[in-house]
Protein backbone atom coordinates (compact mmCIF):
# COMPACT_ATOMS: atom_id res chain seq x y z
CA MET A 1 20.49 17.01 -12.38
CA THR A 2 20.03 20.47 -13.99
CA PRO A 3 23.42 22.10 -14.28
CA ASN A 4 24.55 24.30 -11.27
CA VAL A 5 21.50 23.62 -9.07
CA VAL A 6 23.74 23.11 -5.96
CA ASP A 7 25.85 26.20 -6.80
CA ILE A 8 22.68 28.31 -7.35
CA ALA A 9 21.26 26.97 -4.00
CA ARG A 10 24.53 27.88 -2.22
CA SER A 11 24.45 31.46 -3.69
CA TRP A 12 21.28 31.97 -1.50
CA ILE A 13 23.09 31.08 1.70
CA GLY A 14 22.78 33.97 4.19
CA THR A 15 19.43 35.16 2.77
CA PRO A 16 17.18 35.85 5.69
CA TYR A 17 14.03 33.79 6.43
CA VAL A 18 10.82 35.56 5.34
CA HIS A 19 7.73 33.51 5.18
CA GLN A 20 6.33 33.30 1.61
CA ALA A 21 9.14 35.30 0.10
CA SER A 22 11.54 34.37 -2.71
CA LEU A 23 14.21 37.11 -3.12
CA LYS A 24 17.85 36.19 -2.93
CA HIS A 25 19.62 38.22 -0.23
CA GLY A 26 16.25 39.97 0.50
CA GLY A 27 14.24 37.11 2.08
CA THR A 28 13.02 33.62 1.42
CA ASP A 29 11.44 30.53 3.01
CA CYS A 30 12.21 26.97 2.00
CA LEU A 31 9.73 26.96 -0.92
CA GLY A 32 10.89 30.40 -1.97
CA LEU A 33 14.46 29.01 -2.24
CA VAL A 34 13.30 26.24 -4.63
CA ARG A 35 11.29 28.82 -6.60
CA GLY A 36 14.28 31.05 -6.90
CA ILE A 37 16.46 28.12 -8.19
CA TRP A 38 13.65 27.27 -10.63
CA ARG A 39 13.72 30.95 -12.03
CA GLU A 40 17.50 30.82 -12.37
CA CYS A 41 17.56 27.42 -14.17
CA LEU A 42 14.24 27.42 -16.08
CA GLY A 43 12.68 30.84 -16.19
CA SER A 44 9.15 31.76 -15.13
CA GLU A 45 7.62 29.72 -12.34
CA PRO A 46 5.12 27.12 -13.54
CA GLU A 47 2.33 27.90 -11.00
CA ILE A 48 0.88 30.68 -8.91
CA LEU A 49 1.07 29.59 -5.28
CA PRO A 50 -1.80 29.84 -2.76
CA PRO A 51 -1.13 31.22 0.67
CA TYR A 52 0.36 28.68 3.16
CA THR A 53 1.20 28.65 6.73
CA PRO A 54 4.70 28.17 8.18
CA ASP A 55 3.62 25.49 10.70
CA TRP A 56 5.81 22.39 10.25
CA GLY A 57 3.49 20.55 12.63
CA GLU A 58 0.32 21.19 10.72
CA THR A 59 -1.94 18.12 10.73
CA GLY A 60 -5.03 17.19 8.84
CA GLY A 61 -4.40 19.24 5.80
CA GLU A 62 -3.84 18.42 2.20
CA GLU A 63 -0.41 17.50 1.01
CA LEU A 64 -0.07 20.64 -1.16
CA LEU A 65 3.72 20.67 -1.17
CA LEU A 66 3.99 17.04 -2.28
CA ALA A 67 1.23 17.34 -4.83
CA GLY A 68 2.88 20.49 -6.27
CA ALA A 69 6.23 18.89 -6.50
CA ARG A 70 4.68 15.90 -8.30
CA ARG A 71 3.10 18.31 -10.90
CA VAL A 72 6.24 20.32 -11.74
CA LEU A 73 9.23 18.25 -10.79
CA ILE A 74 10.59 14.82 -11.76
CA VAL A 75 10.48 11.97 -9.20
CA ALA A 76 14.02 10.91 -8.46
CA LYS A 77 14.76 7.24 -8.12
CA ASP A 78 18.22 7.53 -6.56
CA ALA A 79 19.97 10.22 -4.43
CA ALA A 80 22.09 12.87 -6.13
CA PRO A 81 23.30 16.42 -5.41
CA GLY A 82 20.77 18.88 -6.78
CA ASP A 83 17.83 16.84 -5.72
CA VAL A 84 14.77 18.65 -4.15
CA LEU A 85 14.07 17.00 -0.88
CA ILE A 86 10.69 17.18 0.91
CA PHE A 87 10.41 16.53 4.63
CA ARG A 88 7.57 15.66 7.01
CA MET A 89 8.74 16.94 10.39
CA ARG A 90 6.39 14.98 12.61
CA PRO A 91 4.42 11.75 12.18
CA GLY A 92 0.88 12.59 11.10
CA ALA A 93 1.88 16.10 10.07
CA VAL A 94 1.75 17.53 6.54
CA ALA A 95 5.01 17.68 4.59
CA LYS A 96 6.01 21.30 5.04
CA HIS A 97 9.76 21.67 4.56
CA MET A 98 12.07 21.31 1.58
CA GLY A 99 15.72 21.82 0.57
CA VAL A 100 18.24 21.00 -2.13
CA GLN A 101 20.65 18.15 -1.59
CA GLY A 102 24.33 19.15 -1.72
CA GLU A 103 27.52 17.46 -0.72
CA ILE A 104 30.45 18.67 1.47
CA GLY A 105 33.43 16.47 0.72
CA ARG A 106 31.81 13.13 0.64
CA VAL A 107 29.07 13.84 3.23
CA ALA A 108 25.56 14.54 2.08
CA SER A 109 24.17 17.97 2.96
CA PHE A 110 21.18 20.02 2.03
CA ILE A 111 20.58 23.71 1.58
CA HIS A 112 17.31 25.05 3.08
CA ALA A 113 15.71 28.00 4.70
CA TYR A 114 14.07 28.08 8.10
CA ASP A 115 12.96 30.56 10.76
CA ARG A 116 15.70 32.42 12.66
CA HIS A 117 18.39 30.88 10.54
CA GLY A 118 17.72 31.91 6.91
CA VAL A 119 19.29 29.92 4.20
CA VAL A 120 21.98 27.52 5.52
CA GLU A 121 23.67 24.30 4.46
CA SER A 122 23.22 21.55 7.02
CA PRO A 123 24.55 17.92 7.07
CA LEU A 124 21.92 15.50 5.89
CA SER A 125 22.13 13.62 9.13
CA SER A 126 20.11 10.54 10.09
CA PRO A 127 17.36 12.59 11.81
CA TRP A 128 16.84 14.56 8.60
CA ARG A 129 17.14 11.60 6.29
CA SER A 130 14.41 9.84 8.29
CA ARG A 131 11.96 12.65 7.50
CA ILE A 132 12.37 12.71 3.74
CA VAL A 133 9.04 11.89 2.14
CA GLY A 134 9.88 13.02 -1.46
CA ARG A 135 12.87 13.31 -3.68
CA PHE A 136 12.54 15.18 -7.02
CA ARG A 137 14.77 16.74 -9.75
CA PHE A 138 14.30 19.88 -11.73
CA PRO A 139 13.27 19.24 -15.35
CA GLN A 140 16.23 19.52 -17.75
CA THR A 141 16.77 22.88 -19.36
CA SER A 142 16.68 22.81 -23.18
């Protein structure tokens, strides 16, 4: 885990939801949250992003979020706070949601952004865990 990933993610809590944005306290979506954490930990973002839709139920499209994560993040073999989690919200849909695993006491949680809620920390309950399709880590800083 890159140092302070969970603390940095939590510093975004309360940021309003704005599709395709990535500005702490100004507005962000789930990908923007992870992009903002990257910038704080590692500097410049590694890729320019194409436009994307906010539809969690989108079907038939390319797995752009998973493919991008595989290009720039490290696949995690075990679960740990600071992991970047990618979710598929419906069977047959494209993976379109992500967050950062945290922990409240001994209970797994995740920090994520979504419409009408902004950035929040939610329990990583069974319904959420069942939707995880990717688990990644940020590269180590030098």
